PDB file of all heavy atoms in Angstrom:
ATOM      1  N   PRO A   1      50.063 -47.825-127.520  1.00  0.00           N
ATOM      2  CA  PRO A   1      51.496 -47.836-127.286  1.00  0.00           C
ATOM      3  C   PRO A   1      51.693 -48.339-125.860  1.00  0.00           C
ATOM      4  O   PRO A   1      52.896 -48.630-125.583  1.00  0.00           O
ATOM      5  CB  PRO A   1      51.896 -46.385-127.515  1.00  0.00           C
ATOM      6  CG  PRO A   1      50.589 -45.562-127.392  1.00  0.00           C
ATOM      7  CD  PRO A   1      49.586 -46.463-127.948  1.00  0.00           C
ATOM      8  N   THR A   2      50.764 -48.251-124.964  1.00  0.00           N
ATOM      9  CA  THR A   2      50.954 -48.572-123.563  1.00  0.00           C
ATOM     10  C   THR A   2      50.920 -50.192-123.497  1.00  0.00           C
ATOM     11  O   THR A   2      51.310 -50.750-122.421  1.00  0.00           O
ATOM     12  CB  THR A   2      49.923 -48.030-122.651  1.00  0.00           C
ATOM     13  OG1 THR A   2      48.611 -48.531-122.961  1.00  0.00           O
ATOM     14  CG2 THR A   2      50.044 -46.502-122.707  1.00  0.00           C
ATOM     15  N   THR A   3      50.489 -50.882-124.539  1.00  0.00           N
ATOM     16  CA  THR A   3      50.322 -52.275-124.471  1.00  0.00           C
ATOM     17  C   THR A   3      51.661 -52.983-125.061  1.00  0.00           C
ATOM     18  O   THR A   3      51.810 -52.632-126.288  1.00  0.00           O
ATOM     19  CB  THR A   3      49.067 -52.800-125.259  1.00  0.00           C
ATOM     20  OG1 THR A   3      47.960 -52.309-124.672  1.00  0.00           O
ATOM     21  CG2 THR A   3      48.950 -54.277-125.193  1.00  0.00           C
ATOM     22  N   THR A   4      52.249 -53.771-124.417  1.00  0.00           N
ATOM     23  CA  THR A   4      53.454 -54.424-124.823  1.00  0.00           C
ATOM     24  C   THR A   4      53.419 -55.954-124.561  1.00  0.00           C
ATOM     25  O   THR A   4      52.570 -56.364-123.814  1.00  0.00           O
ATOM     26  CB  THR A   4      54.681 -53.872-124.123  1.00  0.00           C
ATOM     27  OG1 THR A   4      54.637 -54.199-122.681  1.00  0.00           O
ATOM     28  CG2 THR A   4      54.877 -52.387-124.299  1.00  0.00           C
ATOM     29  N   ALA A   5      54.276 -56.638-125.250  1.00  0.00           N
ATOM     30  CA  ALA A   5      54.257 -58.127-124.977  1.00  0.00           C
ATOM     31  C   ALA A   5      54.550 -58.333-123.514  1.00  0.00           C
ATOM     32  O   ALA A   5      53.961 -59.284-122.883  1.00  0.00           O
ATOM     33  CB  ALA A   5      55.440 -58.707-125.874  1.00  0.00           C
ATOM     34  N   ASP A   6      55.380 -57.532-122.906  1.00  0.00           N
ATOM     35  CA  ASP A   6      55.731 -57.681-121.497  1.00  0.00           C
ATOM     36  C   ASP A   6      54.555 -57.508-120.586  1.00  0.00           C
ATOM     37  O   ASP A   6      54.308 -58.172-119.625  1.00  0.00           O
ATOM     38  CB  ASP A   6      56.876 -56.791-121.091  1.00  0.00           C
ATOM     39  CG  ASP A   6      58.229 -57.297-121.595  1.00  0.00           C
ATOM     40  OD1 ASP A   6      58.278 -58.452-122.051  1.00  0.00           O
ATOM     41  OD2 ASP A   6      59.186 -56.454-121.649  1.00  0.00           O
ATOM     42  N   SER A   7      53.755 -56.485-120.844  1.00  0.00           N
ATOM     43  CA  SER A   7      52.457 -56.127-120.082  1.00  0.00           C
ATOM     44  C   SER A   7      51.546 -57.369-120.251  1.00  0.00           C
ATOM     45  O   SER A   7      50.888 -57.647-119.212  1.00  0.00           O
ATOM     46  CB  SER A   7      51.876 -54.829-120.425  1.00  0.00           C
ATOM     47  OG  SER A   7      51.445 -54.763-121.716  1.00  0.00           O
ATOM     48  N   ARG A   8      51.403 -57.789-121.418  1.00  0.00           N
ATOM     49  CA  ARG A   8      50.469 -58.936-121.662  1.00  0.00           C
ATOM     50  C   ARG A   8      51.024 -60.122-120.879  1.00  0.00           C
ATOM     51  O   ARG A   8      50.223 -60.895-120.274  1.00  0.00           O
ATOM     52  CB  ARG A   8      50.309 -59.278-123.037  1.00  0.00           C
ATOM     53  CG  ARG A   8      49.550 -58.118-123.856  1.00  0.00           C
ATOM     54  CD  ARG A   8      49.367 -58.385-125.296  1.00  0.00           C
ATOM     55  NE  ARG A   8      48.514 -59.511-125.552  1.00  0.00           N
ATOM     56  CZ  ARG A   8      48.598 -60.328-126.629  1.00  0.00           C
ATOM     57  NH1 ARG A   8      49.491 -60.200-127.548  1.00  0.00           N
ATOM     58  NH2 ARG A   8      47.854 -61.392-126.806  1.00  0.00           N
ATOM     59  N   LYS A   9      52.181 -60.460-120.970  1.00  0.00           N
ATOM     60  CA  LYS A   9      52.807 -61.506-120.246  1.00  0.00           C
ATOM     61  C   LYS A   9      52.536 -61.418-118.710  1.00  0.00           C
ATOM     62  O   LYS A   9      52.279 -62.389-117.965  1.00  0.00           O
ATOM     63  CB  LYS A   9      54.309 -61.651-120.433  1.00  0.00           C
ATOM     64  CG  LYS A   9      54.708 -62.316-121.747  1.00  0.00           C
ATOM     65  CD  LYS A   9      56.327 -62.371-121.812  1.00  0.00           C
ATOM     66  CE  LYS A   9      56.781 -62.873-123.189  1.00  0.00           C
ATOM     67  NZ  LYS A   9      58.289 -62.999-123.154  1.00  0.00           N
ATOM     68  N   ALA A  10      52.705 -60.253-118.265  1.00  0.00           N
ATOM     69  CA  ALA A  10      52.408 -59.999-116.724  1.00  0.00           C
ATOM     70  C   ALA A  10      51.095 -60.364-116.442  1.00  0.00           C
ATOM     71  O   ALA A  10      50.811 -60.962-115.332  1.00  0.00           O
ATOM     72  CB  ALA A  10      52.751 -58.528-116.451  1.00  0.00           C
ATOM     73  N   ASP A  11      50.076 -60.027-117.277  1.00  0.00           N
ATOM     74  CA  ASP A  11      48.643 -60.329-116.923  1.00  0.00           C
ATOM     75  C   ASP A  11      48.411 -61.910-117.031  1.00  0.00           C
ATOM     76  O   ASP A  11      47.710 -62.374-116.233  1.00  0.00           O
ATOM     77  CB  ASP A  11      47.790 -59.670-117.882  1.00  0.00           C
ATOM     78  CG  ASP A  11      47.628 -58.031-117.597  1.00  0.00           C
ATOM     79  OD1 ASP A  11      47.621 -57.705-116.316  1.00  0.00           O
ATOM     80  OD2 ASP A  11      47.502 -57.261-118.561  1.00  0.00           O
ATOM     81  N   TYR A  12      49.034 -62.538-118.083  1.00  0.00           N
ATOM     82  CA  TYR A  12      48.879 -63.915-118.192  1.00  0.00           C
ATOM     83  C   TYR A  12      49.579 -64.623-116.995  1.00  0.00           C
ATOM     84  O   TYR A  12      49.025 -65.598-116.534  1.00  0.00           O
ATOM     85  CB  TYR A  12      49.415 -64.437-119.497  1.00  0.00           C
ATOM     86  CG  TYR A  12      48.712 -64.124-120.743  1.00  0.00           C
ATOM     87  CD1 TYR A  12      49.194 -63.593-121.879  1.00  0.00           C
ATOM     88  CD2 TYR A  12      47.355 -64.378-120.717  1.00  0.00           C
ATOM     89  CE1 TYR A  12      48.477 -63.308-123.033  1.00  0.00           C
ATOM     90  CE2 TYR A  12      46.506 -64.007-121.862  1.00  0.00           C
ATOM     91  CZ  TYR A  12      47.134 -63.504-122.989  1.00  0.00           C
ATOM     92  OH  TYR A  12      46.404 -63.285-124.087  1.00  0.00           O
ATOM     93  N   ARG A  13      50.675 -64.166-116.555  1.00  0.00           N
ATOM     94  CA  ARG A  13      51.359 -64.849-115.432  1.00  0.00           C
ATOM     95  C   ARG A  13      50.362 -64.740-114.084  1.00  0.00           C
ATOM     96  O   ARG A  13      50.328 -65.623-113.423  1.00  0.00           O
ATOM     97  CB  ARG A  13      52.675 -64.114-115.066  1.00  0.00           C
ATOM     98  CG  ARG A  13      53.786 -64.364-116.073  1.00  0.00           C
ATOM     99  CD  ARG A  13      55.074 -63.793-115.599  1.00  0.00           C
ATOM    100  NE  ARG A  13      56.085 -63.657-116.613  1.00  0.00           N
ATOM    101  CZ  ARG A  13      56.393 -62.506-117.204  1.00  0.00           C
ATOM    102  NH1 ARG A  13      55.892 -61.298-116.614  1.00  0.00           N
ATOM    103  NH2 ARG A  13      57.266 -62.322-118.180  1.00  0.00           N
ATOM    104  N   GLU A  14      49.848 -63.464-113.968  1.00  0.00           N
ATOM    105  CA  GLU A  14      48.871 -63.372-112.732  1.00  0.00           C
ATOM    106  C   GLU A  14      47.651 -64.287-112.941  1.00  0.00           C
ATOM    107  O   GLU A  14      47.208 -64.946-112.017  1.00  0.00           O
ATOM    108  CB  GLU A  14      48.471 -61.933-112.644  1.00  0.00           C
ATOM    109  CG  GLU A  14      47.883 -61.566-111.231  1.00  0.00           C
ATOM    110  CD  GLU A  14      48.960 -61.719-110.218  1.00  0.00           C
ATOM    111  OE1 GLU A  14      50.080 -61.794-110.405  1.00  0.00           O
ATOM    112  OE2 GLU A  14      48.447 -61.909-109.020  1.00  0.00           O
ATOM    113  N   SER A  15      47.147 -64.388-114.116  1.00  0.00           N
ATOM    114  CA  SER A  15      46.096 -65.359-114.438  1.00  0.00           C
ATOM    115  C   SER A  15      46.469 -66.772-114.094  1.00  0.00           C
ATOM    116  O   SER A  15      45.715 -67.494-113.359  1.00  0.00           O
ATOM    117  CB  SER A  15      45.697 -65.259-115.917  1.00  0.00           C
ATOM    118  OG  SER A  15      44.638 -66.155-116.184  1.00  0.00           O
ATOM    119  N   LEU A  16      47.661 -67.168-114.489  1.00  0.00           N
ATOM    120  CA  LEU A  16      48.173 -68.600-114.117  1.00  0.00           C
ATOM    121  C   LEU A  16      48.333 -68.660-112.635  1.00  0.00           C
ATOM    122  O   LEU A  16      47.995 -69.743-112.014  1.00  0.00           O
ATOM    123  CB  LEU A  16      49.438 -68.807-114.930  1.00  0.00           C
ATOM    124  CG  LEU A  16      50.078 -70.208-114.687  1.00  0.00           C
ATOM    125  CD1 LEU A  16      49.083 -71.230-115.076  1.00  0.00           C
ATOM    126  CD2 LEU A  16      51.398 -70.287-115.463  1.00  0.00           C
ATOM    127  N   ARG A  17      48.957 -67.624-111.952  1.00  0.00           N
ATOM    128  CA  ARG A  17      49.091 -67.696-110.556  1.00  0.00           C
ATOM    129  C   ARG A  17      47.791 -68.066-109.860  1.00  0.00           C
ATOM    130  O   ARG A  17      47.772 -68.652-108.792  1.00  0.00           O
ATOM    131  CB  ARG A  17      49.824 -66.511-110.082  1.00  0.00           C
ATOM    132  CG  ARG A  17      50.257 -66.545-108.523  1.00  0.00           C
ATOM    133  CD  ARG A  17      50.791 -65.220-108.127  1.00  0.00           C
ATOM    134  NE  ARG A  17      49.789 -64.184-107.939  1.00  0.00           N
ATOM    135  CZ  ARG A  17      49.033 -63.984-106.814  1.00  0.00           C
ATOM    136  NH1 ARG A  17      49.176 -64.867-105.824  1.00  0.00           N
ATOM    137  NH2 ARG A  17      48.173 -63.080-106.719  1.00  0.00           N
ATOM    138  N   LEU A  18      46.779 -67.415-110.307  1.00  0.00           N
ATOM    139  CA  LEU A  18      45.409 -67.504-109.654  1.00  0.00           C
ATOM    140  C   LEU A  18      44.639 -68.735-110.030  1.00  0.00           C
ATOM    141  O   LEU A  18      43.482 -69.030-109.618  1.00  0.00           O
ATOM    142  CB  LEU A  18      44.635 -66.310-109.950  1.00  0.00           C
ATOM    143  CG  LEU A  18      45.009 -64.970-109.284  1.00  0.00           C
ATOM    144  CD1 LEU A  18      44.256 -63.789-109.805  1.00  0.00           C
ATOM    145  CD2 LEU A  18      44.982 -65.016-107.750  1.00  0.00           C
ATOM    146  N   GLY A  19      45.249 -69.611-110.917  1.00  0.00           N
ATOM    147  CA  GLY A  19      44.684 -70.806-111.171  1.00  0.00           C
ATOM    148  C   GLY A  19      44.126 -71.114-112.560  1.00  0.00           C
ATOM    149  O   GLY A  19      43.571 -72.194-112.808  1.00  0.00           O
ATOM    150  N   ASN A  20      44.366 -70.244-113.560  1.00  0.00           N
ATOM    151  CA  ASN A  20      43.771 -70.365-114.860  1.00  0.00           C
ATOM    152  C   ASN A  20      44.894 -70.982-115.776  1.00  0.00           C
ATOM    153  O   ASN A  20      45.830 -70.249-116.264  1.00  0.00           O
ATOM    154  CB  ASN A  20      43.363 -68.993-115.329  1.00  0.00           C
ATOM    155  CG  ASN A  20      42.786 -69.024-116.818  1.00  0.00           C
ATOM    156  OD1 ASN A  20      42.381 -70.090-117.188  1.00  0.00           O
ATOM    157  ND2 ASN A  20      42.878 -67.943-117.551  1.00  0.00           N
ATOM    158  N   ASP A  21      44.837 -72.339-115.897  1.00  0.00           N
ATOM    159  CA  ASP A  21      45.787 -72.979-116.787  1.00  0.00           C
ATOM    160  C   ASP A  21      45.745 -72.625-118.255  1.00  0.00           C
ATOM    161  O   ASP A  21      46.707 -72.961-118.928  1.00  0.00           O
ATOM    162  CB  ASP A  21      45.648 -74.471-116.628  1.00  0.00           C
ATOM    163  CG  ASP A  21      46.045 -74.978-115.262  1.00  0.00           C
ATOM    164  OD1 ASP A  21      46.831 -74.278-114.571  1.00  0.00           O
ATOM    165  OD2 ASP A  21      45.668 -76.124-114.784  1.00  0.00           O
ATOM    166  N   ALA A  22      44.620 -72.035-118.702  1.00  0.00           N
ATOM    167  CA  ALA A  22      44.432 -71.633-120.094  1.00  0.00           C
ATOM    168  C   ALA A  22      45.567 -70.615-120.332  1.00  0.00           C
ATOM    169  O   ALA A  22      45.863 -70.284-121.539  1.00  0.00           O
ATOM    170  CB  ALA A  22      43.221 -70.980-120.319  1.00  0.00           C
ATOM    171  N   ALA A  23      46.056 -69.889-119.300  1.00  0.00           N
ATOM    172  CA  ALA A  23      47.139 -68.900-119.613  1.00  0.00           C
ATOM    173  C   ALA A  23      48.501 -69.528-119.940  1.00  0.00           C
ATOM    174  O   ALA A  23      49.329 -68.816-120.484  1.00  0.00           O
ATOM    175  CB  ALA A  23      47.408 -68.068-118.299  1.00  0.00           C
ATOM    176  N   ILE A  24      48.655 -70.797-119.742  1.00  0.00           N
ATOM    177  CA  ILE A  24      49.877 -71.455-120.162  1.00  0.00           C
ATOM    178  C   ILE A  24      50.103 -71.312-121.664  1.00  0.00           C
ATOM    179  O   ILE A  24      51.132 -70.900-122.024  1.00  0.00           O
ATOM    180  CB  ILE A  24      49.918 -72.932-119.749  1.00  0.00           C
ATOM    181  CG1 ILE A  24      49.875 -73.016-118.191  1.00  0.00           C
ATOM    182  CG2 ILE A  24      51.174 -73.652-120.285  1.00  0.00           C
ATOM    183  CD1 ILE A  24      49.618 -74.447-117.675  1.00  0.00           C
ATOM    184  N   ASP A  25      49.200 -71.673-122.469  1.00  0.00           N
ATOM    185  CA  ASP A  25      49.321 -71.610-123.918  1.00  0.00           C
ATOM    186  C   ASP A  25      49.489 -70.130-124.367  1.00  0.00           C
ATOM    187  O   ASP A  25      50.182 -69.941-125.347  1.00  0.00           O
ATOM    188  CB  ASP A  25      48.101 -72.263-124.575  1.00  0.00           C
ATOM    189  CG  ASP A  25      48.067 -73.774-124.579  1.00  0.00           C
ATOM    190  OD1 ASP A  25      49.171 -74.341-124.276  1.00  0.00           O
ATOM    191  OD2 ASP A  25      47.077 -74.283-124.647  1.00  0.00           O
ATOM    192  N   LYS A  26      48.822 -69.222-123.751  1.00  0.00           N
ATOM    193  CA  LYS A  26      49.002 -67.777-124.068  1.00  0.00           C
ATOM    194  C   LYS A  26      50.387 -67.343-123.778  1.00  0.00           C
ATOM    195  O   LYS A  26      51.012 -66.625-124.547  1.00  0.00           O
ATOM    196  CB  LYS A  26      48.006 -67.013-123.106  1.00  0.00           C
ATOM    197  CG  LYS A  26      46.566 -67.363-123.216  1.00  0.00           C
ATOM    198  CD  LYS A  26      45.876 -66.815-124.530  1.00  0.00           C
ATOM    199  CE  LYS A  26      44.418 -67.230-124.444  1.00  0.00           C
ATOM    200  NZ  LYS A  26      43.700 -66.705-125.595  1.00  0.00           N
ATOM    201  N   LEU A  27      50.973 -67.792-122.647  1.00  0.00           N
ATOM    202  CA  LEU A  27      52.341 -67.422-122.404  1.00  0.00           C
ATOM    203  C   LEU A  27      53.353 -68.065-123.370  1.00  0.00           C
ATOM    204  O   LEU A  27      54.386 -67.464-123.821  1.00  0.00           O
ATOM    205  CB  LEU A  27      52.651 -67.809-120.960  1.00  0.00           C
ATOM    206  CG  LEU A  27      52.113 -66.970-119.855  1.00  0.00           C
ATOM    207  CD1 LEU A  27      52.289 -67.624-118.451  1.00  0.00           C
ATOM    208  CD2 LEU A  27      52.880 -65.592-119.778  1.00  0.00           C
ATOM    209  N   ARG A  28      53.077 -69.359-123.758  1.00  0.00           N
ATOM    210  CA  ARG A  28      53.889 -69.968-124.643  1.00  0.00           C
ATOM    211  C   ARG A  28      53.944 -69.230-126.056  1.00  0.00           C
ATOM    212  O   ARG A  28      54.926 -69.085-126.669  1.00  0.00           O
ATOM    213  CB  ARG A  28      53.446 -71.481-124.880  1.00  0.00           C
ATOM    214  CG  ARG A  28      53.798 -72.355-123.744  1.00  0.00           C
ATOM    215  CD  ARG A  28      53.230 -73.679-123.849  1.00  0.00           C
ATOM    216  NE  ARG A  28      53.565 -74.536-122.812  1.00  0.00           N
ATOM    217  CZ  ARG A  28      52.899 -75.747-122.548  1.00  0.00           C
ATOM    218  NH1 ARG A  28      51.898 -76.125-123.292  1.00  0.00           N
ATOM    219  NH2 ARG A  28      53.372 -76.533-121.579  1.00  0.00           N
ATOM    220  N   ALA A  29      52.793 -68.799-126.445  1.00  0.00           N
ATOM    221  CA  ALA A  29      52.624 -68.124-127.712  1.00  0.00           C
ATOM    222  C   ALA A  29      53.385 -66.787-127.779  1.00  0.00           C
ATOM    223  O   ALA A  29      53.829 -66.276-128.800  1.00  0.00           O
ATOM    224  CB  ALA A  29      51.139 -67.760-127.942  1.00  0.00           C
ATOM    225  N   LEU A  30      53.563 -66.177-126.541  1.00  0.00           N
ATOM    226  CA  LEU A  30      54.405 -64.960-126.380  1.00  0.00           C
ATOM    227  C   LEU A  30      55.801 -65.150-126.141  1.00  0.00           C
ATOM    228  O   LEU A  30      56.639 -64.314-125.859  1.00  0.00           O
ATOM    229  CB  LEU A  30      53.833 -64.095-125.347  1.00  0.00           C
ATOM    230  CG  LEU A  30      52.384 -63.405-125.632  1.00  0.00           C
ATOM    231  CD1 LEU A  30      51.889 -62.713-124.466  1.00  0.00           C
ATOM    232  CD2 LEU A  30      52.600 -62.465-126.740  1.00  0.00           C
ATOM    233  N   GLY A  31      56.234 -66.500-126.141  1.00  0.00           N
ATOM    234  CA  GLY A  31      57.618 -66.879-126.044  1.00  0.00           C
ATOM    235  C   GLY A  31      58.136 -66.902-124.673  1.00  0.00           C
ATOM    236  O   GLY A  31      59.392 -66.902-124.337  1.00  0.00           O
ATOM    237  N   GLU A  32      57.222 -67.240-123.661  1.00  0.00           N
ATOM    238  CA  GLU A  32      57.690 -67.325-122.279  1.00  0.00           C
ATOM    239  C   GLU A  32      58.410 -68.664-122.132  1.00  0.00           C
ATOM    240  O   GLU A  32      57.933 -69.739-122.532  1.00  0.00           O
ATOM    241  CB  GLU A  32      56.397 -67.374-121.350  1.00  0.00           C
ATOM    242  CG  GLU A  32      56.734 -67.416-119.861  1.00  0.00           C
ATOM    243  CD  GLU A  32      57.050 -66.070-119.341  1.00  0.00           C
ATOM    244  OE1 GLU A  32      57.238 -65.120-120.032  1.00  0.00           O
ATOM    245  OE2 GLU A  32      57.145 -65.906-118.125  1.00  0.00           O
ATOM    246  N   PRO A  33      59.620 -68.651-121.615  1.00  0.00           N
ATOM    247  CA  PRO A  33      60.372 -69.867-121.400  1.00  0.00           C
ATOM    248  C   PRO A  33      59.633 -70.935-120.560  1.00  0.00           C
ATOM    249  O   PRO A  33      58.930 -70.546-119.598  1.00  0.00           O
ATOM    250  CB  PRO A  33      61.664 -69.449-120.730  1.00  0.00           C
ATOM    251  CG  PRO A  33      61.791 -67.944-121.035  1.00  0.00           C
ATOM    252  CD  PRO A  33      60.316 -67.495-121.128  1.00  0.00           C
TER     253      PRO A  33
END
């Protein structure tokens, strides 16, 4: 119950910020604009 789409998005965003472009598709799959 502590895992939400928003919490996963936050981790993917941080991954992308640190240079991991693979996080782009992960964010798209979760509906990130």
